């Protein structure tokens, strides 16, 4: 069943739009490394056999990439599988989720019968995370989920703040989602993956499909202390990562040229799109840090749902953010795509917002005329 995430392009197409630019899913606009296609074709006959249950070769590649030992890594069928695995294995009584954020954190806790404490970040502070000791007064809290950079707001928390929090609360397991960290400028200022094998209450989860552009293959990984990894593996389903996904991930990770060109492209195009969106009267884009931009609607008479529907008429899908806890119908998110596609987005947004301005203006004018006529009628009655 469709749960309201971005990127559900088949759902959109099945409702009558067969040529859609999907700005609702935040995937590398360059696509996947060319070697991914090649390695899948070359190894296609591996589907005749069960995949490596331990993802041995892929874990070695990841180990070299992040500088951690292989026994500190678990590979999963997308990062979401791992988010559900963690509370299922560690069985927290209660967990904290800083909202608005990725909805599967709370769902994963609920599925493991853990209580969920939604700490909603403040709109007046631009949804920035601020560490407060009173967040952890509840002694039943045994797990915390934190997305960095956060989805959908794009806000970042610096590495030192996270590590300080983790060290001050050794009895709480901190799960840090770094799915979009590869798109961040100076990721070393924010990532805590180097400390994941040292601190026993720190788990870092990453996606391989967003940056490397193959979300349909579903693959992600976590890094944690070896003792935590052993505990998690007791509850992990076998053979959850198929053979072709493992081959694709290995060649993608080793493609340093793709990483460099993707980051260079993203930094340039992200700035362009942010500047153009900032010039549209009626919306306010928050400064982006990853490959998506979080936007507030300031225009009267326009909602995120209405905007989404009207943008579909232009062949463009955006992410309506009204179903995030802590947000409302004034917020939406768009991915950063290629220049040509971003221009189409900008032009469509301008058209829809301008039409909304004209409609709102006509309604105000009509309302004023109506009130004026009522006043004339009342005066006539008085005479």
Protein backbone atom coordinates (compact mmCIF):
# COMPACT_ATOMS: atom_id res chain seq x y z
CA UNK A 1 0.00 0.00 0.00
CA UNK A 2 1.25 3.49 -0.90
CA UNK A 3 2.35 5.20 2.34
CA UNK A 4 2.86 8.75 1.09
CA UNK A 5 6.59 8.76 0.38
CA UNK A 6 8.10 10.55 -2.57
CA UNK A 7 9.11 8.73 -5.73
CA UNK A 8 5.94 6.70 -6.17
CA UNK A 9 5.98 7.34 -9.89
CA UNK A 10 3.81 4.33 -10.81
CA UNK A 11 1.07 5.65 -8.56
CA UNK A 12 1.17 8.96 -10.42
CA UNK A 13 1.29 7.38 -13.87
CA UNK A 14 -1.63 5.09 -13.05
CA UNK A 15 -3.70 8.19 -12.35
CA UNK A 16 -3.42 9.45 -15.91
CA UNK A 17 0.00 11.15 -16.13
CA UNK A 18 2.27 9.11 -18.41
CA UNK A 19 5.10 11.63 -18.87
CA UNK A 20 6.19 12.90 -15.48
CA UNK A 21 9.33 14.63 -14.27
CA UNK A 22 9.69 13.24 -10.75
CA UNK A 23 10.93 15.92 -8.36
CA UNK A 24 9.36 14.07 -5.41
CA UNK A 25 12.19 11.52 -5.08
CA UNK A 26 15.68 12.71 -4.12
CA UNK A 27 17.94 10.58 -6.31
CA UNK A 28 21.23 11.50 -8.01
CA UNK A 29 20.14 13.31 -11.22
CA UNK A 30 23.18 11.99 -13.08
CA UNK A 31 21.81 8.46 -12.64
CA UNK A 32 23.95 5.41 -11.93
CA UNK A 33 27.60 4.74 -12.87
CA UNK A 34 27.89 3.21 -16.33
CA UNK A 35 29.73 0.19 -14.90
CA UNK A 36 26.58 -0.75 -12.98
CA UNK A 37 24.75 -1.65 -16.18
CA UNK A 38 27.78 -3.58 -17.44
CA UNK A 39 28.33 -5.62 -14.27
CA UNK A 40 24.64 -6.58 -14.05
CA UNK A 41 24.63 -7.91 -17.62
CA UNK A 42 27.95 -9.71 -17.13
CA UNK A 43 26.71 -11.40 -13.95
CA UNK A 44 23.09 -11.89 -14.89
CA UNK A 45 23.33 -15.69 -14.66
CA UNK A 46 24.02 -15.37 -10.93
CA UNK A 47 20.24 -15.21 -10.51
CA UNK A 48 20.40 -19.01 -10.98
CA UNK A 49 21.97 -19.28 -7.52
CA UNK A 50 21.35 -17.92 -4.03
CA UNK A 51 23.21 -14.67 -3.33
CA UNK A 52 26.05 -14.48 -0.81
CA UNK A 53 24.13 -14.56 2.46
CA UNK A 54 26.84 -12.54 4.26
CA UNK A 55 27.54 -10.03 1.43
CA UNK A 56 31.21 -10.78 2.09
CA UNK A 57 32.80 -9.00 -0.89
CA UNK A 58 30.48 -6.01 -0.62
CA UNK A 59 31.23 -5.61 3.08
CA UNK A 60 34.94 -5.56 2.20
CA UNK A 61 34.30 -2.75 -0.30
CA UNK A 62 32.29 -0.78 2.24
CA UNK A 63 34.97 -1.41 4.86
CA UNK A 64 37.59 0.14 2.61
CA UNK A 65 35.32 3.06 1.76
CA UNK A 66 34.50 4.09 5.33
CA UNK A 67 37.64 2.88 7.10
CA UNK A 68 35.89 0.45 9.46
CA UNK A 69 36.27 -3.29 9.96
CA UNK A 70 34.06 -5.72 8.07
CA UNK A 71 32.68 -7.16 11.32
CA UNK A 72 31.25 -3.71 12.07
CA UNK A 73 29.05 -3.67 8.94
CA UNK A 74 25.66 -5.14 8.02
CA UNK A 75 24.26 -4.83 4.49
CA UNK A 76 20.51 -4.65 4.04
CA UNK A 77 17.79 -4.50 1.38
CA UNK A 78 17.79 -0.72 1.51
CA UNK A 79 18.38 1.32 4.66
CA UNK A 80 14.72 0.94 5.64
CA UNK A 81 15.16 -2.78 6.32
CA UNK A 82 17.91 -1.85 8.78
CA UNK A 83 15.79 0.77 10.53
CA UNK A 84 13.21 -1.94 11.26
CA UNK A 85 15.88 -4.47 12.26
CA UNK A 86 17.46 -2.26 14.94
CA UNK A 87 14.50 -1.90 17.36
CA UNK A 88 13.37 -5.46 16.61
CA UNK A 89 16.73 -6.76 17.84
CA UNK A 90 17.51 -4.29 20.63
CA UNK A 91 13.94 -4.06 21.96
CA UNK A 92 13.84 -0.51 23.35
CA UNK A 93 10.97 0.33 25.68
CA UNK A 94 10.62 3.77 24.17
CA UNK A 95 12.33 5.76 21.43
CA UNK A 96 12.67 9.44 20.54
CA UNK A 97 12.16 10.71 17.00
CA UNK A 98 12.96 14.32 16.16
CA UNK A 99 10.19 15.52 13.84
CA UNK A 100 9.60 16.35 11.04
CA UNK A 101 11.66 13.54 9.57
CA UNK A 102 11.60 10.21 7.70
CA UNK A 103 8.38 8.50 8.77
CA UNK A 104 9.83 4.99 8.93
CA UNK A 105 11.72 5.74 12.16
CA UNK A 106 8.51 5.95 14.15
CA UNK A 107 6.96 3.06 12.22
CA UNK A 108 9.96 0.84 13.00
CA UNK A 109 9.61 1.56 16.72
CA UNK A 110 5.87 0.88 16.64
CA UNK A 111 6.37 -2.44 14.84
CA UNK A 112 8.65 -3.52 17.69
CA UNK A 113 6.04 -2.45 20.26
CA UNK A 114 8.17 0.44 21.50
CA UNK A 115 6.66 3.72 22.60
CA UNK A 116 7.35 6.72 20.37
CA UNK A 117 8.18 10.18 21.67
CA UNK A 118 7.87 12.74 18.87
CA UNK A 119 10.00 15.77 19.72
CA UNK A 120 8.87 18.39 17.21
CA UNK A 121 11.51 20.89 16.12
CA UNK A 122 10.47 24.54 16.15
CA UNK A 123 9.42 26.35 13.00
CA UNK A 124 10.72 29.63 14.45
CA UNK A 125 14.16 28.01 14.69
CA UNK A 126 13.93 26.80 11.05
CA UNK A 127 13.54 23.20 12.30
CA UNK A 128 17.16 23.13 13.46
CA UNK A 129 18.08 20.47 16.01
CA UNK A 130 19.17 21.83 19.39
CA UNK A 131 20.43 19.46 22.07
CA UNK A 132 18.49 19.79 25.31
CA UNK A 133 19.04 17.64 28.39
CA UNK A 134 15.32 17.53 29.13
CA UNK A 135 14.82 15.49 25.94
CA UNK A 136 16.20 12.57 27.90
CA UNK A 137 14.46 12.94 31.25
CA UNK A 138 12.22 9.97 30.53
CA UNK A 139 14.11 6.96 31.91
CA UNK A 140 12.20 4.61 29.59
CA UNK A 141 13.82 6.16 26.52
CA UNK A 142 16.39 3.68 25.23
CA UNK A 143 16.73 4.68 21.58
CA UNK A 144 16.97 7.89 19.53
CA UNK A 145 16.60 8.30 15.77
CA UNK A 146 18.25 11.32 14.16
CA UNK A 147 18.48 12.03 10.41
CA UNK A 148 21.57 13.98 9.29
CA UNK A 149 21.07 15.78 6.95
CA UNK A 150 17.43 15.69 7.87
CA UNK A 151 14.77 14.65 5.41
CA UNK A 152 12.79 16.72 4.39
CA UNK A 153 14.18 19.93 5.95
CA UNK A 154 17.85 19.49 4.97
CA UNK A 155 19.11 20.74 8.32
CA UNK A 156 22.48 19.43 9.54
CA UNK A 157 23.80 18.63 13.01
CA UNK A 158 27.54 18.95 13.52
CA UNK A 159 29.54 15.88 14.43
CA UNK A 160 30.73 17.20 17.82
CA UNK A 161 27.15 17.79 18.98
CA UNK A 162 26.08 14.26 18.10
CA UNK A 163 29.11 12.65 19.72
CA UNK A 164 28.68 14.70 22.88
CA UNK A 165 25.06 13.56 23.12
CA UNK A 166 26.00 9.91 22.51
CA UNK A 167 28.73 9.97 25.17
CA UNK A 168 26.53 11.69 27.76
CA UNK A 169 23.86 9.00 27.44
CA UNK A 170 25.62 5.61 27.26
CA UNK A 171 22.40 3.74 28.10
CA UNK A 172 20.61 5.09 25.02
CA UNK A 173 21.25 3.73 21.51
CA UNK A 174 21.56 6.52 18.95
CA UNK A 175 20.63 5.62 15.37
CA UNK A 176 21.97 8.22 12.94
CA UNK A 177 20.59 8.18 9.39
CA UNK A 178 23.25 9.45 6.98
CA UNK A 179 21.42 8.46 3.79
CA UNK A 180 22.17 11.80 2.08
CA UNK A 181 25.59 12.55 3.59
CA UNK A 182 27.43 11.98 0.27
CA UNK A 183 25.63 15.02 -1.18
CA UNK A 184 26.81 17.27 1.67
CA UNK A 185 29.65 19.75 1.36
CA UNK A 186 32.37 18.90 3.93
CA UNK A 187 30.68 15.68 5.14
CA UNK A 188 33.50 15.09 7.62
CA UNK A 189 32.07 17.95 9.74
CA UNK A 190 28.84 16.04 10.24
CA UNK A 191 29.33 12.29 9.77
CA UNK A 192 29.92 10.12 12.85
CA UNK A 193 30.55 6.88 10.96
CA UNK A 194 34.22 6.80 12.04
CA UNK A 195 33.12 6.52 15.67
CA UNK A 196 30.47 3.87 15.03
CA UNK A 197 32.78 0.92 15.76
CA UNK A 198 34.10 2.48 18.96
CA UNK A 199 30.99 3.73 20.77
CA UNK A 200 28.72 0.83 21.67
CA UNK A 201 25.58 2.97 21.68
CA UNK A 202 26.05 4.46 18.19
CA UNK A 203 24.67 2.99 14.95
CA UNK A 204 25.09 4.78 11.62
CA UNK A 205 22.86 3.82 8.69
CA UNK A 206 23.55 4.77 5.08
CA UNK A 207 21.88 4.26 1.72
CA UNK A 208 23.78 3.23 -1.40
CA UNK A 209 20.91 3.82 -3.80
CA UNK A 210 20.32 7.58 -3.51
CA UNK A 211 23.82 8.80 -4.34
CA UNK A 212 24.59 6.00 -6.80
CA UNK A 213 21.23 6.34 -8.54
CA UNK A 214 19.64 2.86 -8.41
CA UNK A 215 16.84 2.91 -5.79
CA UNK A 216 15.09 0.06 -7.60
CA UNK A 217 17.86 -2.32 -6.50
CA UNK A 218 17.34 -1.57 -2.77
CA UNK A 219 20.64 -1.65 -0.89
CA UNK A 220 22.03 0.07 2.19
CA UNK A 221 24.26 -0.67 5.17
CA UNK A 222 24.86 0.12 8.81
CA UNK A 223 28.06 0.48 10.82
CA UNK A 224 28.18 -0.29 14.53
CA UNK A 225 30.30 -1.83 17.29
CA UNK A 226 31.00 -5.56 16.63
CA UNK A 227 28.99 -6.57 19.71
CA UNK A 228 25.97 -4.66 18.41
CA UNK A 229 26.41 -6.16 14.94
CA UNK A 230 26.35 -9.68 16.43
CA UNK A 231 23.14 -8.90 18.29
CA UNK A 232 21.48 -7.44 15.20
CA UNK A 233 22.49 -10.40 13.03
CA UNK A 234 20.57 -12.74 15.34
CA UNK A 235 17.38 -11.06 14.12
CA UNK A 236 18.22 -10.30 10.50
CA UNK A 237 16.47 -12.19 7.71
CA UNK A 238 18.81 -14.26 5.50
CA UNK A 239 19.33 -13.58 1.77
CA UNK A 240 17.65 -10.17 1.88
CA UNK A 241 20.19 -8.62 -0.55
CA UNK A 242 20.04 -10.05 -4.06
CA UNK A 243 23.12 -10.94 -6.11
CA UNK A 244 22.73 -8.22 -8.76
CA UNK A 245 22.37 -5.50 -6.10
CA UNK A 246 25.59 -6.70 -4.48
CA UNK A 247 27.52 -6.57 -7.78
CA UNK A 248 26.09 -3.14 -8.60
CA UNK A 249 27.00 -1.71 -5.21
CA UNK A 250 30.59 -2.98 -5.40
CA UNK A 251 31.38 -1.38 -8.75
CA UNK A 252 29.58 1.84 -7.78
CA UNK A 253 31.56 2.27 -4.57
CA UNK A 254 34.83 1.84 -6.44
CA UNK A 255 33.96 4.45 -9.09
CA UNK A 256 35.74 7.50 -7.64
CA UNK A 257 35.26 9.48 -10.85
CA UNK A 258 31.49 9.13 -10.53
CA UNK A 259 31.63 10.36 -6.93
CA UNK A 260 33.68 13.40 -7.89
CA UNK A 261 31.56 14.37 -10.90
CA UNK A 262 28.30 13.84 -8.98
CA UNK A 263 29.35 16.09 -6.12
CA UNK A 264 30.65 18.80 -8.48
CA UNK A 265 27.41 18.69 -10.47
CA UNK A 266 25.23 18.75 -7.35
CA UNK A 267 26.95 21.72 -5.71
CA UNK A 268 26.59 23.79 -8.88
CA UNK A 269 23.02 22.82 -9.74
CA UNK A 270 21.78 23.04 -6.17
CA UNK A 271 22.96 26.63 -5.90
CA UNK A 272 21.35 27.52 -9.23
CA UNK A 273 17.99 26.01 -8.27
CA UNK A 274 18.02 27.59 -4.81
CA UNK A 275 18.74 31.05 -6.25
CA UNK A 276 15.98 30.71 -8.84
CA UNK A 277 13.44 29.47 -6.30
CA UNK A 278 14.38 32.35 -3.98
CA UNK A 279 13.25 34.77 -6.71
CA UNK A 280 9.69 33.39 -6.88
CA UNK A 281 7.32 35.57 -4.87
CA UNK A 282 5.06 33.45 -2.68
CA UNK A 283 7.46 30.68 -1.67
CA UNK A 284 10.46 30.52 0.66
CA UNK A 285 13.16 27.89 0.02
CA UNK A 286 15.32 26.87 2.96
CA UNK A 287 19.03 26.81 2.21
CA UNK A 288 19.77 23.28 0.93
CA UNK A 289 22.53 20.96 2.11
CA UNK A 290 21.79 17.77 0.16
CA UNK A 291 20.13 16.96 -3.18
CA UNK A 292 16.71 18.36 -2.33
CA UNK A 293 15.23 21.71 -1.29
CA UNK A 294 12.62 22.20 1.42
CA UNK A 295 10.15 25.01 0.66
CA UNK A 296 7.49 26.95 2.57
CA UNK A 297 4.45 28.40 0.81
CA UNK A 298 3.74 32.00 1.82
CA UNK A 299 0.96 32.69 -0.66
CA UNK A 300 -2.63 32.96 0.57
CA UNK A 301 -5.00 30.53 -1.06
CA UNK A 302 -2.28 28.02 -2.01
CA UNK A 303 -1.64 24.71 -0.22
CA UNK A 304 0.93 21.99 -0.81
CA UNK A 305 -1.78 19.56 -1.94
CA UNK A 306 -3.26 22.07 -4.38
CA UNK A 307 0.21 22.94 -5.64
CA UNK A 308 1.02 19.26 -6.12
CA UNK A 309 -2.11 18.70 -8.18
CA UNK A 310 -1.57 21.79 -10.32
CA UNK A 311 2.10 20.92 -10.92
CA UNK A 312 1.03 17.51 -12.22
CA UNK A 313 -0.85 19.36 -14.95
CA UNK A 314 2.58 20.61 -16.06
CA UNK A 315 3.99 17.07 -15.94
CA UNK A 316 5.93 17.60 -12.70
CA UNK A 317 5.66 15.68 -9.41
CA UNK A 318 6.67 17.39 -6.16
CA UNK A 319 6.69 16.05 -2.59
CA UNK A 320 3.74 17.36 -0.60
CA UNK A 321 5.09 17.53 2.98
CA UNK A 322 1.79 18.02 4.79
CA UNK A 323 1.83 14.43 6.12
CA UNK A 324 5.09 14.91 8.05
CA UNK A 325 4.62 15.29 11.81
CA UNK A 326 5.30 18.93 12.71
CA UNK A 327 4.51 20.26 9.23
CA UNK A 328 1.28 21.36 7.56
CA UNK A 329 -0.11 22.20 4.14
CA UNK A 330 2.35 25.08 3.71
CA UNK A 331 5.41 22.90 2.99
CA UNK A 332 6.75 20.87 0.07
CA UNK A 333 10.06 19.46 -1.15
CA UNK A 334 11.70 19.22 -4.57
CA UNK A 335 14.73 17.27 -5.72
CA UNK A 336 17.65 18.87 -7.51
CA UNK A 337 17.72 17.53 -11.07
CA UNK A 338 19.46 18.50 -14.34
CA UNK A 339 19.55 22.11 -15.54
CA UNK A 340 16.94 21.54 -18.27
CA UNK A 341 14.62 19.79 -15.82
CA UNK A 342 15.16 22.41 -13.12
CA UNK A 343 14.24 25.14 -15.59
CA UNK A 344 10.98 23.30 -16.30
CA UNK A 345 10.28 23.14 -12.58
CA UNK A 346 10.96 26.84 -12.11
CA UNK A 347 8.78 27.86 -15.05
CA UNK A 348 5.92 25.65 -13.88
CA UNK A 349 6.12 26.95 -10.32
CA UNK A 350 6.08 30.53 -11.55
CA UNK A 351 3.02 29.85 -13.70
CA UNK A 352 1.10 28.10 -10.91
CA UNK A 353 1.99 30.68 -8.25
CA UNK A 354 1.17 33.60 -10.58
CA UNK A 355 -2.18 32.03 -11.47
CA UNK A 356 -2.84 31.64 -7.75
CA UNK A 357 -2.01 35.33 -7.21
CA UNK A 358 -4.42 36.38 -9.95
CA UNK A 359 -7.19 34.10 -8.66
CA UNK A 360 -6.70 35.29 -5.09
CA UNK A 361 -6.72 38.90 -6.26
CA UNK A 362 -9.96 38.42 -8.19
CA UNK A 363 -11.56 36.75 -5.18
CA UNK A 364 -10.52 39.62 -2.92
CA UNK A 365 -11.82 42.14 -5.43
CA UNK A 366 -15.11 40.24 -5.80
CA UNK A 367 -15.43 40.07 -2.04
CA UNK A 368 -14.86 43.80 -1.73
CA UNK A 369 -17.51 44.51 -4.36
CA UNK A 370 -19.94 42.21 -2.55
CA UNK A 371 -19.34 43.95 0.79
CA UNK A 372 -19.71 47.35 -0.86
CA UNK A 373 -23.03 46.32 -2.41
CA UNK A 374 -24.24 45.05 0.98
CA UNK A 375 -23.36 48.41 2.52
CA UNK A 376 -25.28 50.26 -0.22
CA UNK A 377 -28.29 48.01 0.33
CA UNK A 378 -28.22 48.61 4.07
CA UNK A 379 -28.02 52.38 3.51
CA UNK A 380 -30.97 52.21 1.12
CA UNK A 381 -32.97 50.32 3.72
CA UNK A 382 -32.14 52.95 6.31
CA UNK A 383 -33.48 55.65 4.02
